[in-house]
Amino acid sequence: MRIEVKNGDLNRALKELKKRVYRERILIEYKEHMAYEKPSEKRRRKKAEAILRRKKEERQNENPWGD
């Protein structure tokens, strides 16, 4: 992953880095590998992620004009 610093603006570059790390789930995967997760906790987390994904898809498919 490469982030370019334009015009010496480190704050902007740091913000972009954080966005990319979040989008690519790098930290989440790192944390998952750091500690053991019980199967029941894993199921609960997966279920919660699926619900959030479904809600996001519903929002995206919503007609903004209510037709």
PDB file of N, CA and C in Angstrom:
ATOM      1  N   MET A   1       0.855  -1.160   0.000  1.00  0.00           N
ATOM      2  CA  MET A   1       0.000   0.000   0.000  1.00  0.00           C
ATOM      3  C   MET A   1       0.906   1.228   0.000  1.00  0.00           C
ATOM      4  N   ARG A   2       0.565   2.187  -0.840  1.00  0.00           N
ATOM      5  CA  ARG A   2       1.404   3.374  -0.974  1.00  0.00           C
ATOM      6  C   ARG A   2       0.521   4.623  -0.903  1.00  0.00           C
ATOM      7  N   ILE A   3       0.915   5.558  -0.063  1.00  0.00           N
ATOM      8  CA  ILE A   3       0.207   6.820   0.090  1.00  0.00           C
ATOM      9  C   ILE A   3       1.174   7.938  -0.282  1.00  0.00           C
ATOM     10  N   GLU A   4       0.763   8.790  -1.188  1.00  0.00           N
ATOM     11  CA  GLU A   4       1.608   9.910  -1.595  1.00  0.00           C
ATOM     12  C   GLU A   4       1.291  11.141  -0.747  1.00  0.00           C
ATOM     13  N   VAL A   5       2.341  11.829  -0.323  1.00  0.00           N
ATOM     14  CA  VAL A   5       2.182  13.069   0.420  1.00  0.00           C
ATOM     15  C   VAL A   5       2.281  14.203  -0.583  1.00  0.00           C
ATOM     16  N   LYS A   6       1.190  14.933  -0.740  1.00  0.00           N
ATOM     17  CA  LYS A   6       1.169  16.034  -1.713  1.00  0.00           C
ATOM     18  C   LYS A   6       1.294  17.364  -0.979  1.00  0.00           C
ATOM     19  N   ASN A   7       2.156  18.206  -1.471  1.00  0.00           N
ATOM     20  CA  ASN A   7       2.371  19.547  -0.910  1.00  0.00           C
ATOM     21  C   ASN A   7       2.749  19.510   0.569  1.00  0.00           C
ATOM     22  N   GLY A   8       3.401  18.449   1.006  1.00  0.00           N
ATOM     23  CA  GLY A   8       3.847  18.357   2.393  1.00  0.00           C
ATOM     24  C   GLY A   8       2.725  18.246   3.401  1.00  0.00           C
ATOM     25  N   ASP A   9       1.522  17.852   2.965  1.00  0.00           N
ATOM     26  CA  ASP A   9       0.358  17.768   3.847  1.00  0.00           C
ATOM     27  C   ASP A   9       0.279  16.368   4.473  1.00  0.00           C
ATOM     28  N   LEU A  10       0.968  16.192   5.605  1.00  0.00           N
ATOM     29  CA  LEU A  10       1.009  14.890   6.268  1.00  0.00           C
ATOM     30  C   LEU A  10      -0.333  14.505   6.876  1.00  0.00           C
ATOM     31  N   ASN A  11      -1.087  15.491   7.343  1.00  0.00           N
ATOM     32  CA  ASN A  11      -2.389  15.187   7.936  1.00  0.00           C
ATOM     33  C   ASN A  11      -3.323  14.558   6.912  1.00  0.00           C
ATOM     34  N   ARG A  12      -3.325  15.076   5.708  1.00  0.00           N
ATOM     35  CA  ARG A  12      -4.164  14.538   4.641  1.00  0.00           C
ATOM     36  C   ARG A  12      -3.716  13.120   4.274  1.00  0.00           C
ATOM     37  N   ALA A  13      -2.405  12.909   4.216  1.00  0.00           N
ATOM     38  CA  ALA A  13      -1.872  11.588   3.887  1.00  0.00           C
ATOM     39  C   ALA A  13      -2.218  10.577   4.986  1.00  0.00           C
ATOM     40  N   LEU A  14      -2.130  10.994   6.242  1.00  0.00           N
ATOM     41  CA  LEU A  14      -2.469  10.115   7.357  1.00  0.00           C
ATOM     42  C   LEU A  14      -3.951   9.745   7.317  1.00  0.00           C
ATOM     43  N   LYS A  15      -4.788  10.717   7.007  1.00  0.00           N
ATOM     44  CA  LYS A  15      -6.227  10.482   6.911  1.00  0.00           C
ATOM     45  C   LYS A  15      -6.524   9.462   5.807  1.00  0.00           C
ATOM     46  N   GLU A  16      -5.867   9.594   4.678  1.00  0.00           N
ATOM     47  CA  GLU A  16      -6.036   8.673   3.562  1.00  0.00           C
ATOM     48  C   GLU A  16      -5.571   7.265   3.950  1.00  0.00           C
ATOM     49  N   LEU A  17      -4.449   7.180   4.669  1.00  0.00           N
ATOM     50  CA  LEU A  17      -3.934   5.888   5.120  1.00  0.00           C
ATOM     51  C   LEU A  17      -4.945   5.200   6.039  1.00  0.00           C
ATOM     52  N   LYS A  18      -5.478   5.951   6.986  1.00  0.00           N
ATOM     53  CA  LYS A  18      -6.461   5.389   7.911  1.00  0.00           C
ATOM     54  C   LYS A  18      -7.689   4.879   7.163  1.00  0.00           C
ATOM     55  N   LYS A  19      -8.147   5.632   6.163  1.00  0.00           N
ATOM     56  CA  LYS A  19      -9.302   5.211   5.362  1.00  0.00           C
ATOM     57  C   LYS A  19      -9.029   3.894   4.655  1.00  0.00           C
ATOM     58  N   ARG A  20      -7.866   3.798   4.031  1.00  0.00           N
ATOM     59  CA  ARG A  20      -7.528   2.582   3.287  1.00  0.00           C
ATOM     60  C   ARG A  20      -7.389   1.380   4.201  1.00  0.00           C
ATOM     61  N   VAL A  21      -6.750   1.578   5.354  1.00  0.00           N
ATOM     62  CA  VAL A  21      -6.587   0.483   6.318  1.00  0.00           C
ATOM     63  C   VAL A  21      -7.956   0.011   6.786  1.00  0.00           C
ATOM     64  N   TYR A  22      -8.867   0.948   7.049  1.00  0.00           N
ATOM     65  CA  TYR A  22     -10.208   0.596   7.498  1.00  0.00           C
ATOM     66  C   TYR A  22     -10.967  -0.152   6.401  1.00  0.00           C
ATOM     67  N   ARG A  23     -10.929   0.360   5.181  1.00  0.00           N
ATOM     68  CA  ARG A  23     -11.648  -0.267   4.066  1.00  0.00           C
ATOM     69  C   ARG A  23     -11.160  -1.674   3.769  1.00  0.00           C
ATOM     70  N   GLU A  24      -9.867  -1.881   3.898  1.00  0.00           N
ATOM     71  CA  GLU A  24      -9.297  -3.181   3.570  1.00  0.00           C
ATOM     72  C   GLU A  24      -9.291  -4.132   4.766  1.00  0.00           C
ATOM     73  N   ARG A  25      -9.851  -3.691   5.891  1.00  0.00           N
ATOM     74  CA  ARG A  25     -10.003  -4.522   7.090  1.00  0.00           C
ATOM     75  C   ARG A  25      -8.682  -5.057   7.625  1.00  0.00           C
ATOM     76  N   ILE A  26      -7.605  -4.341   7.423  1.00  0.00           N
ATOM     77  CA  ILE A  26      -6.287  -4.811   7.855  1.00  0.00           C
ATOM     78  C   ILE A  26      -6.219  -4.935   9.373  1.00  0.00           C
ATOM     79  N   LEU A  27      -6.634  -3.908  10.093  1.00  0.00           N
ATOM     80  CA  LEU A  27      -6.559  -3.944  11.551  1.00  0.00           C
ATOM     81  C   LEU A  27      -7.513  -4.971  12.140  1.00  0.00           C
ATOM     82  N   ILE A  28      -8.687  -5.102  11.558  1.00  0.00           N
ATOM     83  CA  ILE A  28      -9.663  -6.069  12.059  1.00  0.00           C
ATOM     84  C   ILE A  28      -9.105  -7.482  11.950  1.00  0.00           C
ATOM     85  N   GLU A  29      -8.529  -7.801  10.799  1.00  0.00           N
ATOM     86  CA  GLU A  29      -7.949  -9.127  10.617  1.00  0.00           C
ATOM     87  C   GLU A  29      -6.767  -9.336  11.561  1.00  0.00           C
ATOM     88  N   TYR A  30      -5.981  -8.314  11.767  1.00  0.00           N
ATOM     89  CA  TYR A  30      -4.840  -8.409  12.685  1.00  0.00           C
ATOM     90  C   TYR A  30      -5.319  -8.740  14.090  1.00  0.00           C
ATOM     91  N   LYS A  31      -6.340  -8.035  14.543  1.00  0.00           N
ATOM     92  CA  LYS A  31      -6.870  -8.267  15.888  1.00  0.00           C
ATOM     93  C   LYS A  31      -7.481  -9.658  16.010  1.00  0.00           C
ATOM     94  N   GLU A  32      -8.120 -10.137  14.939  1.00  0.00           N
ATOM     95  CA  GLU A  32      -8.712 -11.465  14.959  1.00  0.00           C
ATOM     96  C   GLU A  32      -7.641 -12.536  15.158  1.00  0.00           C
ATOM     97  N   HIS A  33      -6.466 -12.334  14.607  1.00  0.00           N
ATOM     98  CA  HIS A  33      -5.404 -13.322  14.713  1.00  0.00           C
ATOM     99  C   HIS A  33      -4.608 -13.199  16.016  1.00  0.00           C
ATOM    100  N   MET A  34      -4.769 -12.111  16.720  1.00  0.00           N
ATOM    101  CA  MET A  34      -3.996 -11.888  17.936  1.00  0.00           C
ATOM    102  C   MET A  34      -4.509 -12.714  19.119  1.00  0.00           C
ATOM    103  N   ALA A  35      -5.794 -12.989  19.180  1.00  0.00           N
ATOM    104  CA  ALA A  35      -6.355 -13.695  20.322  1.00  0.00           C
ATOM    105  C   ALA A  35      -7.359 -14.735  19.847  1.00  0.00           C
ATOM    106  N   TYR A  36      -7.537 -15.758  20.656  1.00  0.00           N
ATOM    107  CA  TYR A  36      -8.498 -16.807  20.333  1.00  0.00           C
ATOM    108  C   TYR A  36      -9.899 -16.264  20.490  1.00  0.00           C
ATOM    109  N   GLU A  37     -10.754 -16.603  19.547  1.00  0.00           N
ATOM    110  CA  GLU A  37     -12.152 -16.196  19.602  1.00  0.00           C
ATOM    111  C   GLU A  37     -13.002 -17.450  19.730  1.00  0.00           C
ATOM    112  N   LYS A  38     -13.793 -17.498  20.771  1.00  0.00           N
ATOM    113  CA  LYS A  38     -14.626 -18.670  20.986  1.00  0.00           C
ATOM    114  C   LYS A  38     -15.616 -18.807  19.819  1.00  0.00           C
ATOM    115  N   PRO A  39     -15.984 -20.046  19.481  1.00  0.00           N
ATOM    116  CA  PRO A  39     -16.918 -20.255  18.377  1.00  0.00           C
ATOM    117  C   PRO A  39     -18.238 -19.494  18.555  1.00  0.00           C
ATOM    118  N   SER A  40     -18.737 -19.417  19.792  1.00  0.00           N
ATOM    119  CA  SER A  40     -19.998 -18.702  20.017  1.00  0.00           C
ATOM    120  C   SER A  40     -19.824 -17.202  19.748  1.00  0.00           C
ATOM    121  N   GLU A  41     -18.667 -16.646  20.126  1.00  0.00           N
ATOM    122  CA  GLU A  41     -18.395 -15.227  19.863  1.00  0.00           C
ATOM    123  C   GLU A  41     -18.245 -14.986  18.374  1.00  0.00           C
ATOM    124  N   LYS A  42     -17.617 -15.924  17.673  1.00  0.00           N
ATOM    125  CA  LYS A  42     -17.427 -15.795  16.235  1.00  0.00           C
ATOM    126  C   LYS A  42     -18.784 -15.788  15.525  1.00  0.00           C
ATOM    127  N   ARG A  43     -19.691 -16.703  15.942  1.00  0.00           N
ATOM    128  CA  ARG A  43     -21.028 -16.741  15.333  1.00  0.00           C
ATOM    129  C   ARG A  43     -21.769 -15.430  15.576  1.00  0.00           C
ATOM    130  N   ARG A  44     -21.686 -14.930  16.818  1.00  0.00           N
ATOM    131  CA  ARG A  44     -22.373 -13.684  17.166  1.00  0.00           C
ATOM    132  C   ARG A  44     -21.835 -12.518  16.326  1.00  0.00           C
ATOM    133  N   ARG A  45     -20.504 -12.464  16.163  1.00  0.00           N
ATOM    134  CA  ARG A  45     -19.892 -11.390  15.380  1.00  0.00           C
ATOM    135  C   ARG A  45     -20.289 -11.490  13.916  1.00  0.00           C
ATOM    136  N   LYS A  46     -20.246 -12.706  13.354  1.00  0.00           N
ATOM    137  CA  LYS A  46     -20.612 -12.900  11.950  1.00  0.00           C
ATOM    138  C   LYS A  46     -22.069 -12.510  11.710  1.00  0.00           C
ATOM    139  N   LYS A  47     -22.949 -12.873  12.651  1.00  0.00           N
ATOM    140  CA  LYS A  47     -24.370 -12.540  12.523  1.00  0.00           C
ATOM    141  C   LYS A  47     -24.569 -11.019  12.546  1.00  0.00           C
ATOM    142  N   ALA A  48     -23.854 -10.344  13.449  1.00  0.00           N
ATOM    143  CA  ALA A  48     -23.964  -8.883  13.542  1.00  0.00           C
ATOM    144  C   ALA A  48     -23.448  -8.221  12.264  1.00  0.00           C
ATOM    145  N   GLU A  49     -22.344  -8.742  11.709  1.00  0.00           N
ATOM    146  CA  GLU A  49     -21.814  -8.192  10.459  1.00  0.00           C
ATOM    147  C   GLU A  49     -22.802  -8.378   9.318  1.00  0.00           C
ATOM    148  N   ALA A  50     -23.458  -9.542   9.266  1.00  0.00           N
ATOM    149  CA  ALA A  50     -24.431  -9.807   8.204  1.00  0.00           C
ATOM    150  C   ALA A  50     -25.613  -8.854   8.304  1.00  0.00           C
ATOM    151  N   ILE A  51     -26.057  -8.574   9.533  1.00  0.00           N
ATOM    152  CA  ILE A  51     -27.178  -7.645   9.722  1.00  0.00           C
ATOM    153  C   ILE A  51     -26.787  -6.256   9.238  1.00  0.00           C
ATOM    154  N   LEU A  52     -25.574  -5.805   9.592  1.00  0.00           N
ATOM    155  CA  LEU A  52     -25.118  -4.484   9.151  1.00  0.00           C
ATOM    156  C   LEU A  52     -25.008  -4.425   7.626  1.00  0.00           C
ATOM    157  N   ARG A  53     -24.515  -5.497   7.009  1.00  0.00           N
ATOM    158  CA  ARG A  53     -24.405  -5.542   5.546  1.00  0.00           C
ATOM    159  C   ARG A  53     -25.782  -5.445   4.904  1.00  0.00           C
ATOM    160  N   ARG A  54     -26.751  -6.205   5.460  1.00  0.00           N
ATOM    161  CA  ARG A  54     -28.117  -6.177   4.917  1.00  0.00           C
ATOM    162  C   ARG A  54     -28.732  -4.791   5.030  1.00  0.00           C
ATOM    163  N   LYS A  55     -28.552  -4.145   6.186  1.00  0.00           N
ATOM    164  CA  LYS A  55     -29.094  -2.795   6.369  1.00  0.00           C
ATOM    165  C   LYS A  55     -28.469  -1.817   5.382  1.00  0.00           C
ATOM    166  N   LYS A  56     -27.172  -1.952   5.151  1.00  0.00           N
ATOM    167  CA  LYS A  56     -26.481  -1.070   4.212  1.00  0.00           C
ATOM    168  C   LYS A  56     -27.018  -1.278   2.800  1.00  0.00           C
ATOM    169  N   GLU A  57     -27.223  -2.540   2.412  1.00  0.00           N
ATOM    170  CA  GLU A  57     -27.766  -2.825   1.084  1.00  0.00           C
ATOM    171  C   GLU A  57     -29.171  -2.257   0.930  1.00  0.00           C
ATOM    172  N   GLU A  58     -29.989  -2.376   1.993  1.00  0.00           N
ATOM    173  CA  GLU A  58     -31.344  -1.828   1.943  1.00  0.00           C
ATOM    174  C   GLU A  58     -31.318  -0.315   1.764  1.00  0.00           C
ATOM    175  N   ARG A  59     -30.401   0.364   2.473  1.00  0.00           N
ATOM    176  CA  ARG A  59     -30.289   1.823   2.336  1.00  0.00           C
ATOM    177  C   ARG A  59     -29.881   2.206   0.926  1.00  0.00           C
ATOM    178  N   GLN A  60     -28.972   1.431   0.324  1.00  0.00           N
ATOM    179  CA  GLN A  60     -28.510   1.746  -1.010  1.00  0.00           C
ATOM    180  C   GLN A  60     -29.594   1.496  -2.068  1.00  0.00           C
ATOM    181  N   ASN A  61     -30.451   0.513  -1.817  1.00  0.00           N
ATOM    182  CA  ASN A  61     -31.505   0.177  -2.774  1.00  0.00           C
ATOM    183  C   ASN A  61     -32.754   1.013  -2.581  1.00  0.00           C
ATOM    184  N   GLU A  62     -32.795   1.794  -1.505  1.00  0.00           N
ATOM    185  CA  GLU A  62     -33.945   2.639  -1.214  1.00  0.00           C
ATOM    186  C   GLU A  62     -34.105   3.728  -2.271  1.00  0.00           C
ATOM    187  N   ASN A  63     -35.344   4.014  -2.621  1.00  0.00           N
ATOM    188  CA  ASN A  63     -35.619   5.094  -3.566  1.00  0.00           C
ATOM    189  C   ASN A  63     -35.701   6.398  -2.774  1.00  0.00           C
ATOM    190  N   PRO A  64     -34.843   7.369  -3.010  1.00  0.00           N
ATOM    191  CA  PRO A  64     -34.819   8.600  -2.217  1.00  0.00           C
ATOM    192  C   PRO A  64     -36.074   9.454  -2.375  1.00  0.00           C
ATOM    193  N   TRP A  65     -36.847   9.253  -3.435  1.00  0.00           N
ATOM    194  CA  TRP A  65     -38.030  10.060  -3.675  1.00  0.00           C
ATOM    195  C   TRP A  65     -39.313   9.372  -3.195  1.00  0.00           C
ATOM    196  N   GLY A  66     -39.196   8.144  -2.703  1.00  0.00           N
ATOM    197  CA  GLY A  66     -40.342   7.452  -2.140  1.00  0.00           C
ATOM    198  C   GLY A  66     -41.352   6.973  -3.151  1.00  0.00           C
ATOM    199  N   ASP A  67     -40.958   6.804  -4.386  1.00  0.00           N
ATOM    200  CA  ASP A  67     -41.890   6.326  -5.424  1.00  0.00           C
ATOM    201  C   ASP A  67     -42.098   4.840  -5.317  1.00  0.00           C
TER     202      ASP A  67
END
